[in-house]
Amino acid sequence: MGEIVEEKSATWTKSCLLILATVVLIRVLTLGVPDLVDTTEGRYATTSQLMVEKNDWVTPWIIFQGVEKPYLGKPPLHFWLINTSYELLGPSNFSARLPGVFSWALITLTLYIFAARVLGKKAALMGALIFSTSLLAFILGGVCLVDVTMTVGITLAVAGFALADRSRLSGYLCFVGLALGSLVKGPVAVIFFGMAMGPWIAFRWWQTKALPTQMKSLPWFSGILVFLVIAV
C-alpha cells in the first residue's frame, strides 16, 4: 500500500514539474512577440541600449524630445539585467524581455522554498504551480518592465521576515530583499513590504499584546547595514 502511495506521489510531482517546465518554455518561445509597442517597454529597452552603446553602466539614459538625457526616474538594477542580456544576445525584443522570465522564475522558486518550510513540499509545489500559471504572472513574467524584478525583492523580504524566527540567515534575507527591491524601483519597495506586513504585525500585536517573534528575531542593526551596503 505504501509503495502505491509513493508511486502516485512521485507521478503527481513529475506531472507538476512537467507543467511548470512547459509553461516556462512557452513563455520563453513567445518573448519576441509582439514588438515593444508599449511605451514603457520601449523606454526601458531603449535606456538599456543607450547604456550599452555608451558603455555607461552607472547612469541610465533616455531619448526625450530627440535629445539624449540622463534618466533618473528609476534605479539601475533592472537596466543592468537588460544590459547583460544585450551584451550576451544582442539588442532584441527577446533579450529585452528575458530578465522578466528570470525574475518570474525566481519568485516561483522563492515561493516554493518558503512554502516547503511552512506547509510541506507537496503544498509548496502546488503553490508554485498556481502562481506560475496564473495569467498575470505569465504575462508580466515576459515583458520589459521593472515591476516583476521589484517583486523578486519584495517576495524575498516577506519570506525572510516570515522565517526570521527559524533562521538568522532568513532575517538577513529580509533586508537583502528590501535592498534589491529598492535598487529596482526605489523606496516604494519598502513601502509595499510595509503595506503587506504592517497589518499582520498590528493584528498579531492586538491579539497577543506583544510584537511577533519574527520582528524580535530580525537582526535590525546588522540587517540595516546590509541593506545600506547593497543599496548605496
C-alpha atoms as a PDB file:
ATOM      1  CA  MET A   1       0.000   0.000   0.000  1.00  0.00           C
ATOM      2  CA  GLY A   2       2.835   2.366   0.923  1.00  0.00           C
ATOM      3  CA  GLU A   3       4.581   1.707  -2.367  1.00  0.00           C
ATOM      4  CA  ILE A   4       1.419   2.583  -4.311  1.00  0.00           C
ATOM      5  CA  VAL A   5       1.055   5.875  -2.407  1.00  0.00           C
ATOM      6  CA  GLU A   6       4.708   6.732  -3.022  1.00  0.00           C
ATOM      7  CA  GLU A   7       4.366   5.889  -6.711  1.00  0.00           C
ATOM      8  CA  LYS A   8       1.280   8.097  -7.048  1.00  0.00           C
ATOM      9  CA  SER A   9       3.063  10.910  -5.202  1.00  0.00           C
ATOM     10  CA  ALA A  10       6.088  10.633  -7.491  1.00  0.00           C
ATOM     11  CA  THR A  11       3.848  10.653 -10.570  1.00  0.00           C
ATOM     12  CA  TRP A  12       1.999  13.721  -9.285  1.00  0.00           C
ATOM     13  CA  THR A  13       5.290  15.533  -8.626  1.00  0.00           C
ATOM     14  CA  LYS A  14       6.602  14.710 -12.105  1.00  0.00           C
ATOM     15  CA  SER A  15       3.357  15.958 -13.650  1.00  0.00           C
ATOM     16  CA  CYS A  16       3.598  19.270 -11.792  1.00  0.00           C
ATOM     17  CA  LEU A  17       7.224  19.732 -12.804  1.00  0.00           C
ATOM     18  CA  LEU A  18       6.341  18.925 -16.418  1.00  0.00           C
ATOM     19  CA  ILE A  19       3.592  21.561 -16.371  1.00  0.00           C
ATOM     20  CA  LEU A  20       5.994  24.109 -14.871  1.00  0.00           C
ATOM     21  CA  ALA A  21       8.649  23.364 -17.482  1.00  0.00           C
ATOM     22  CA  THR A  22       6.091  23.597 -20.291  1.00  0.00           C
ATOM     23  CA  VAL A  23       4.786  26.965 -19.077  1.00  0.00           C
ATOM     24  CA  VAL A  24       8.307  28.392 -18.846  1.00  0.00           C
ATOM     25  CA  LEU A  25       9.183  27.043 -22.303  1.00  0.00           C
ATOM     26  CA  ILE A  26       6.059  28.578 -23.837  1.00  0.00           C
ATOM     27  CA  ARG A  27       6.854  31.948 -22.262  1.00  0.00           C
ATOM     28  CA  VAL A  28      10.464  31.876 -23.460  1.00  0.00           C
ATOM     29  CA  LEU A  29       9.428  30.947 -27.000  1.00  0.00           C
ATOM     30  CA  THR A  30       6.919  33.825 -27.134  1.00  0.00           C
ATOM     31  CA  LEU A  31       9.217  36.559 -25.788  1.00  0.00           C
ATOM     32  CA  GLY A  32       9.828  38.015 -29.229  1.00  0.00           C
ATOM     33  CA  VAL A  33       6.178  38.794 -29.948  1.00  0.00           C
ATOM     34  CA  PRO A  34       4.568  41.221 -30.072  1.00  0.00           C
ATOM     35  CA  ASP A  35       7.025  44.050 -30.705  1.00  0.00           C
ATOM     36  CA  LEU A  36       7.834  46.538 -27.954  1.00  0.00           C
ATOM     37  CA  VAL A  37       4.749  48.581 -28.759  1.00  0.00           C
ATOM     38  CA  ASP A  38       4.056  49.612 -25.169  1.00  0.00           C
ATOM     39  CA  THR A  39       5.685  52.953 -24.362  1.00  0.00           C
ATOM     40  CA  THR A  40       7.057  51.690 -21.037  1.00  0.00           C
ATOM     41  CA  GLU A  41       8.672  48.626 -22.592  1.00  0.00           C
ATOM     42  CA  GLY A  42      10.184  50.755 -25.337  1.00  0.00           C
ATOM     43  CA  ARG A  43      11.523  53.292 -22.846  1.00  0.00           C
ATOM     44  CA  TYR A  44      13.257  50.702 -20.677  1.00  0.00           C
ATOM     45  CA  ALA A  45      14.643  48.776 -23.645  1.00  0.00           C
ATOM     46  CA  THR A  46      15.989  51.962 -25.230  1.00  0.00           C
ATOM     47  CA  THR A  47      17.513  53.112 -21.946  1.00  0.00           C
ATOM     48  CA  SER A  48      19.487  49.899 -21.649  1.00  0.00           C
ATOM     49  CA  GLN A  49      20.531  50.066 -25.299  1.00  0.00           C
ATOM     50  CA  LEU A  50      21.913  53.582 -24.763  1.00  0.00           C
ATOM     51  CA  MET A  51      23.782  52.468 -21.641  1.00  0.00           C
ATOM     52  CA  VAL A  52      25.421  49.636 -23.580  1.00  0.00           C
ATOM     53  CA  GLU A  53      26.270  51.863 -26.540  1.00  0.00           C
ATOM     54  CA  LYS A  54      27.801  54.487 -24.244  1.00  0.00           C
ATOM     55  CA  ASN A  55      29.479  51.819 -22.110  1.00  0.00           C
ATOM     56  CA  ASP A  56      27.955  53.649 -19.133  1.00  0.00           C
ATOM     57  CA  TRP A  57      26.567  51.236 -16.555  1.00  0.00           C
ATOM     58  CA  VAL A  58      26.232  53.924 -13.891  1.00  0.00           C
ATOM     59  CA  THR A  59      23.797  56.444 -15.372  1.00  0.00           C
ATOM     60  CA  PRO A  60      20.664  55.350 -17.268  1.00  0.00           C
ATOM     61  CA  TRP A  61      19.958  57.430 -20.389  1.00  0.00           C
ATOM     62  CA  ILE A  62      16.779  58.235 -22.276  1.00  0.00           C
ATOM     63  CA  ILE A  63      15.899  59.992 -25.531  1.00  0.00           C
ATOM     64  CA  PHE A  64      13.466  62.783 -24.657  1.00  0.00           C
ATOM     65  CA  GLN A  65      12.177  65.020 -27.464  1.00  0.00           C
ATOM     66  CA  GLY A  66      15.025  63.856 -29.660  1.00  0.00           C
ATOM     67  CA  VAL A  67      17.725  64.653 -27.085  1.00  0.00           C
ATOM     68  CA  GLU A  68      19.689  62.134 -25.002  1.00  0.00           C
ATOM     69  CA  LYS A  69      19.339  62.919 -21.305  1.00  0.00           C
ATOM     70  CA  PRO A  70      20.135  61.112 -18.037  1.00  0.00           C
ATOM     71  CA  TYR A  71      17.111  59.063 -16.949  1.00  0.00           C
ATOM     72  CA  LEU A  72      16.982  59.376 -13.178  1.00  0.00           C
ATOM     73  CA  GLY A  73      13.415  58.169 -12.735  1.00  0.00           C
ATOM     74  CA  LYS A  74      14.423  54.610 -11.794  1.00  0.00           C
ATOM     75  CA  PRO A  75      17.386  52.961 -10.028  1.00  0.00           C
ATOM     76  CA  PRO A  76      19.614  50.876 -12.324  1.00  0.00           C
ATOM     77  CA  LEU A  77      19.272  47.212 -11.255  1.00  0.00           C
ATOM     78  CA  HIS A  78      16.711  46.185 -13.871  1.00  0.00           C
ATOM     79  CA  PHE A  79      18.651  48.095 -16.523  1.00  0.00           C
ATOM     80  CA  TRP A  80      21.796  46.188 -15.530  1.00  0.00           C
ATOM     81  CA  LEU A  81      19.929  42.929 -16.142  1.00  0.00           C
ATOM     82  CA  ILE A  82      18.788  44.067 -19.586  1.00  0.00           C
ATOM     83  CA  ASN A  83      22.303  45.359 -20.335  1.00  0.00           C
ATOM     84  CA  THR A  84      23.724  41.937 -19.509  1.00  0.00           C
ATOM     85  CA  SER A  85      21.147  40.287 -21.743  1.00  0.00           C
ATOM     86  CA  TYR A  86      22.033  42.703 -24.562  1.00  0.00           C
ATOM     87  CA  GLU A  87      25.751  42.012 -24.137  1.00  0.00           C
ATOM     88  CA  LEU A  88      25.192  38.251 -24.333  1.00  0.00           C
ATOM     89  CA  LEU A  89      22.475  38.059 -27.001  1.00  0.00           C
ATOM     90  CA  GLY A  90      22.421  41.436 -28.715  1.00  0.00           C
ATOM     91  CA  PRO A  91      19.568  44.005 -28.608  1.00  0.00           C
ATOM     92  CA  SER A  92      16.201  42.460 -29.456  1.00  0.00           C
ATOM     93  CA  ASN A  93      12.688  42.015 -28.121  1.00  0.00           C
ATOM     94  CA  PHE A  94      13.759  38.646 -26.749  1.00  0.00           C
ATOM     95  CA  SER A  95      16.819  39.868 -24.850  1.00  0.00           C
ATOM     96  CA  ALA A  96      14.982  42.945 -23.519  1.00  0.00           C
ATOM     97  CA  ARG A  97      12.281  40.740 -22.002  1.00  0.00           C
ATOM     98  CA  LEU A  98      14.488  37.850 -20.846  1.00  0.00           C
ATOM     99  CA  PRO A  99      15.192  39.330 -17.365  1.00  0.00           C
ATOM    100  CA  GLY A 100      11.438  39.227 -16.731  1.00  0.00           C
ATOM    101  CA  VAL A 101      11.450  35.444 -17.183  1.00  0.00           C
ATOM    102  CA  PHE A 102      14.302  35.019 -14.709  1.00  0.00           C
ATOM    103  CA  SER A 103      12.505  37.270 -12.217  1.00  0.00           C
ATOM    104  CA  TRP A 104       9.285  35.283 -12.645  1.00  0.00           C
ATOM    105  CA  ALA A 105      11.200  32.023 -12.119  1.00  0.00           C
ATOM    106  CA  LEU A 106      12.974  33.385  -9.032  1.00  0.00           C
ATOM    107  CA  ILE A 107       9.668  34.452  -7.462  1.00  0.00           C
ATOM    108  CA  THR A 108       8.282  30.962  -8.105  1.00  0.00           C
ATOM    109  CA  LEU A 109      11.366  29.338  -6.564  1.00  0.00           C
ATOM    110  CA  THR A 110      11.199  31.609  -3.517  1.00  0.00           C
ATOM    111  CA  LEU A 111       7.524  30.779  -3.003  1.00  0.00           C
ATOM    112  CA  TYR A 112       8.309  27.069  -3.259  1.00  0.00           C
ATOM    113  CA  ILE A 113      11.179  27.175  -0.736  1.00  0.00           C
ATOM    114  CA  PHE A 114       9.170  29.286   1.704  1.00  0.00           C
ATOM    115  CA  ALA A 115       6.024  27.145   1.456  1.00  0.00           C
ATOM    116  CA  ALA A 116       8.058  23.933   1.738  1.00  0.00           C
ATOM    117  CA  ARG A 117       9.425  25.120   5.088  1.00  0.00           C
ATOM    118  CA  VAL A 118       5.963  26.038   6.383  1.00  0.00           C
ATOM    119  CA  LEU A 119       3.470  23.721   4.662  1.00  0.00           C
ATOM    120  CA  GLY A 120       5.487  20.856   3.195  1.00  0.00           C
ATOM    121  CA  LYS A 121       6.814  20.053  -0.282  1.00  0.00           C
ATOM    122  CA  LYS A 122       3.512  18.969  -1.815  1.00  0.00           C
ATOM    123  CA  ALA A 123       1.705  22.177  -0.866  1.00  0.00           C
ATOM    124  CA  ALA A 124       4.763  24.182  -1.917  1.00  0.00           C
ATOM    125  CA  LEU A 125       4.805  22.618  -5.356  1.00  0.00           C
ATOM    126  CA  MET A 126       1.091  23.274  -5.785  1.00  0.00           C
ATOM    127  CA  GLY A 127       1.546  26.902  -4.722  1.00  0.00           C
ATOM    128  CA  ALA A 128       4.406  27.396  -7.171  1.00  0.00           C
ATOM    129  CA  LEU A 129       2.304  25.838  -9.919  1.00  0.00           C
ATOM    130  CA  ILE A 130      -0.714  28.057  -9.178  1.00  0.00           C
ATOM    131  CA  PHE A 131       1.406  31.212  -9.175  1.00  0.00           C
ATOM    132  CA  SER A 132       3.442  30.466 -12.290  1.00  0.00           C
ATOM    133  CA  THR A 133       0.383  29.509 -14.348  1.00  0.00           C
ATOM    134  CA  SER A 134      -1.755  32.479 -13.290  1.00  0.00           C
ATOM    135  CA  LEU A 135      -2.486  34.812 -16.199  1.00  0.00           C
ATOM    136  CA  LEU A 136      -0.989  37.965 -14.670  1.00  0.00           C
ATOM    137  CA  ALA A 137       2.253  36.241 -13.631  1.00  0.00           C
ATOM    138  CA  PHE A 138       2.546  34.540 -17.024  1.00  0.00           C
ATOM    139  CA  ILE A 139       2.115  37.808 -18.942  1.00  0.00           C
ATOM    140  CA  LEU A 140       4.246  40.072 -16.732  1.00  0.00           C
ATOM    141  CA  GLY A 141       6.930  37.391 -16.491  1.00  0.00           C
ATOM    142  CA  GLY A 142       7.783  38.050 -20.112  1.00  0.00           C
ATOM    143  CA  VAL A 143       7.641  41.805 -20.549  1.00  0.00           C
ATOM    144  CA  CYS A 144      10.269  44.538 -20.287  1.00  0.00           C
ATOM    145  CA  LEU A 145       9.046  46.075 -17.020  1.00  0.00           C
ATOM    146  CA  VAL A 146      10.670  46.727 -13.649  1.00  0.00           C
ATOM    147  CA  ASP A 147       7.680  45.580 -11.593  1.00  0.00           C
ATOM    148  CA  VAL A 148       8.366  41.835 -11.717  1.00  0.00           C
ATOM    149  CA  THR A 149      12.007  42.371 -10.783  1.00  0.00           C
ATOM    150  CA  MET A 150      10.966  44.572  -7.869  1.00  0.00           C
ATOM    151  CA  THR A 151       8.550  41.829  -6.799  1.00  0.00           C
ATOM    152  CA  VAL A 152      11.515  39.457  -6.519  1.00  0.00           C
ATOM    153  CA  GLY A 153      12.952  41.683  -3.808  1.00  0.00           C
ATOM    154  CA  ILE A 154       9.619  42.054  -2.009  1.00  0.00           C
ATOM    155  CA  THR A 155       8.996  38.286  -2.139  1.00  0.00           C
ATOM    156  CA  LEU A 156      12.462  37.584  -0.720  1.00  0.00           C
ATOM    157  CA  ALA A 157      11.830  40.163   2.024  1.00  0.00           C
ATOM    158  CA  VAL A 158       8.441  38.699   3.009  1.00  0.00           C
ATOM    159  CA  ALA A 159       9.794  35.133   3.005  1.00  0.00           C
ATOM    160  CA  GLY A 160      12.839  36.191   5.041  1.00  0.00           C
ATOM    161  CA  PHE A 161      10.644  38.034   7.539  1.00  0.00           C
ATOM    162  CA  ALA A 162       8.240  35.099   7.922  1.00  0.00           C
ATOM    163  CA  LEU A 163      11.113  32.686   8.635  1.00  0.00           C
ATOM    164  CA  ALA A 164      13.224  35.066  10.731  1.00  0.00           C
ATOM    165  CA  ASP A 165      12.350  33.267  13.970  1.00  0.00           C
ATOM    166  CA  ARG A 166      13.610  29.978  12.485  1.00  0.00           C
ATOM    167  CA  SER A 167      16.888  31.134  10.995  1.00  0.00           C
ATOM    168  CA  ARG A 168      19.131  34.168  11.424  1.00  0.00           C
ATOM    169  CA  LEU A 169      20.039  33.868   7.744  1.00  0.00           C
ATOM    170  CA  SER A 170      16.356  34.356   6.874  1.00  0.00           C
ATOM    171  CA  GLY A 171      16.376  37.590   8.842  1.00  0.00           C
ATOM    172  CA  TYR A 172      19.221  38.890   6.700  1.00  0.00           C
ATOM    173  CA  LEU A 173      17.356  37.719   3.590  1.00  0.00           C
ATOM    174  CA  CYS A 174      14.578  40.144   4.528  1.00  0.00           C
ATOM    175  CA  PHE A 175      16.948  43.115   4.356  1.00  0.00           C
ATOM    176  CA  VAL A 176      18.661  41.816   1.205  1.00  0.00           C
ATOM    177  CA  GLY A 177      15.271  41.558  -0.499  1.00  0.00           C
ATOM    178  CA  LEU A 178      14.340  45.113   0.526  1.00  0.00           C
ATOM    179  CA  ALA A 179      17.661  46.389  -0.817  1.00  0.00           C
ATOM    180  CA  LEU A 180      17.230  44.605  -4.153  1.00  0.00           C
ATOM    181  CA  GLY A 181      13.688  45.901  -4.487  1.00  0.00           C
ATOM    182  CA  SER A 182      14.909  49.420  -3.754  1.00  0.00           C
ATOM    183  CA  LEU A 183      17.601  49.076  -6.417  1.00  0.00           C
ATOM    184  CA  VAL A 184      14.844  48.368  -8.934  1.00  0.00           C
ATOM    185  CA  LYS A 185      12.199  50.956  -8.077  1.00  0.00           C
ATOM    186  CA  GLY A 186      13.363  52.926  -5.081  1.00  0.00           C
ATOM    187  CA  PRO A 187      11.775  53.254  -1.604  1.00  0.00           C
ATOM    188  CA  VAL A 188       8.384  52.106  -2.935  1.00  0.00           C
ATOM    189  CA  ALA A 189       9.646  48.518  -2.479  1.00  0.00           C
ATOM    190  CA  VAL A 190       9.983  49.115   1.261  1.00  0.00           C
ATOM    191  CA  ILE A 191       6.554  50.778   1.311  1.00  0.00           C
ATOM    192  CA  PHE A 192       4.925  47.797  -0.431  1.00  0.00           C
ATOM    193  CA  PHE A 193       6.595  45.444   2.055  1.00  0.00           C
ATOM    194  CA  GLY A 194       5.260  47.551   4.919  1.00  0.00           C
ATOM    195  CA  MET A 195       1.765  47.569   3.413  1.00  0.00           C
ATOM    196  CA  ALA A 196       1.844  43.767   3.310  1.00  0.00           C
ATOM    197  CA  MET A 197       3.371  43.072   6.716  1.00  0.00           C
ATOM    198  CA  GLY A 198       2.162  46.095   8.699  1.00  0.00           C
ATOM    199  CA  PRO A 199      -1.490  44.993   9.069  1.00  0.00           C
ATOM    200  CA  TRP A 200      -0.400  41.464  10.031  1.00  0.00           C
ATOM    201  CA  ILE A 201       2.001  42.804  12.676  1.00  0.00           C
ATOM    202  CA  ALA A 202      -0.728  45.093  14.038  1.00  0.00           C
ATOM    203  CA  PHE A 203      -3.212  42.222  14.154  1.00  0.00           C
ATOM    204  CA  ARG A 204      -0.755  39.944  15.986  1.00  0.00           C
ATOM    205  CA  TRP A 205       0.007  42.700  18.481  1.00  0.00           C
ATOM    206  CA  TRP A 206      -3.722  43.241  19.034  1.00  0.00           C
ATOM    207  CA  GLN A 207      -4.138  39.501  19.651  1.00  0.00           C
ATOM    208  CA  THR A 208      -1.164  38.935  21.959  1.00  0.00           C
ATOM    209  CA  LYS A 209      -0.275  42.456  23.154  1.00  0.00           C
ATOM    210  CA  ALA A 210       3.273  41.733  22.023  1.00  0.00           C
ATOM    211  CA  LEU A 211       5.303  42.067  18.852  1.00  0.00           C
ATOM    212  CA  PRO A 212       5.550  38.896  16.709  1.00  0.00           C
ATOM    213  CA  THR A 213       8.636  36.756  17.252  1.00  0.00           C
ATOM    214  CA  GLN A 214       9.651  37.467  13.658  1.00  0.00           C
ATOM    215  CA  MET A 215      10.010  41.172  14.492  1.00  0.00           C
ATOM    216  CA  LYS A 216      12.107  40.390  17.543  1.00  0.00           C
ATOM    217  CA  SER A 217      14.256  37.896  15.634  1.00  0.00           C
ATOM    218  CA  LEU A 218      15.286  40.273  12.836  1.00  0.00           C
ATOM    219  CA  PRO A 219      18.962  41.370  13.030  1.00  0.00           C
ATOM    220  CA  TRP A 220      17.971  45.018  12.976  1.00  0.00           C
ATOM    221  CA  PHE A 221      21.345  46.732  13.323  1.00  0.00           C
ATOM    222  CA  SER A 222      23.439  44.468  11.090  1.00  0.00           C
ATOM    223  CA  GLY A 223      20.498  43.927   8.727  1.00  0.00           C
ATOM    224  CA  ILE A 224      20.097  47.663   8.132  1.00  0.00           C
ATOM    225  CA  LEU A 225      23.845  47.863   7.486  1.00  0.00           C
ATOM    226  CA  VAL A 226      23.500  45.088   4.900  1.00  0.00           C
ATOM    227  CA  PHE A 227      20.599  46.984   3.312  1.00  0.00           C
ATOM    228  CA  LEU A 228      22.668  50.186   3.110  1.00  0.00           C
ATOM    229  CA  VAL A 229      25.757  48.450   1.726  1.00  0.00           C
ATOM    230  CA  ILE A 230      23.727  46.852  -1.096  1.00  0.00           C
ATOM    231  CA  ALA A 231      21.510  49.850  -1.856  1.00  0.00           C
ATOM    232  CA  VAL A 232      24.135  52.576  -1.612  1.00  0.00           C
END
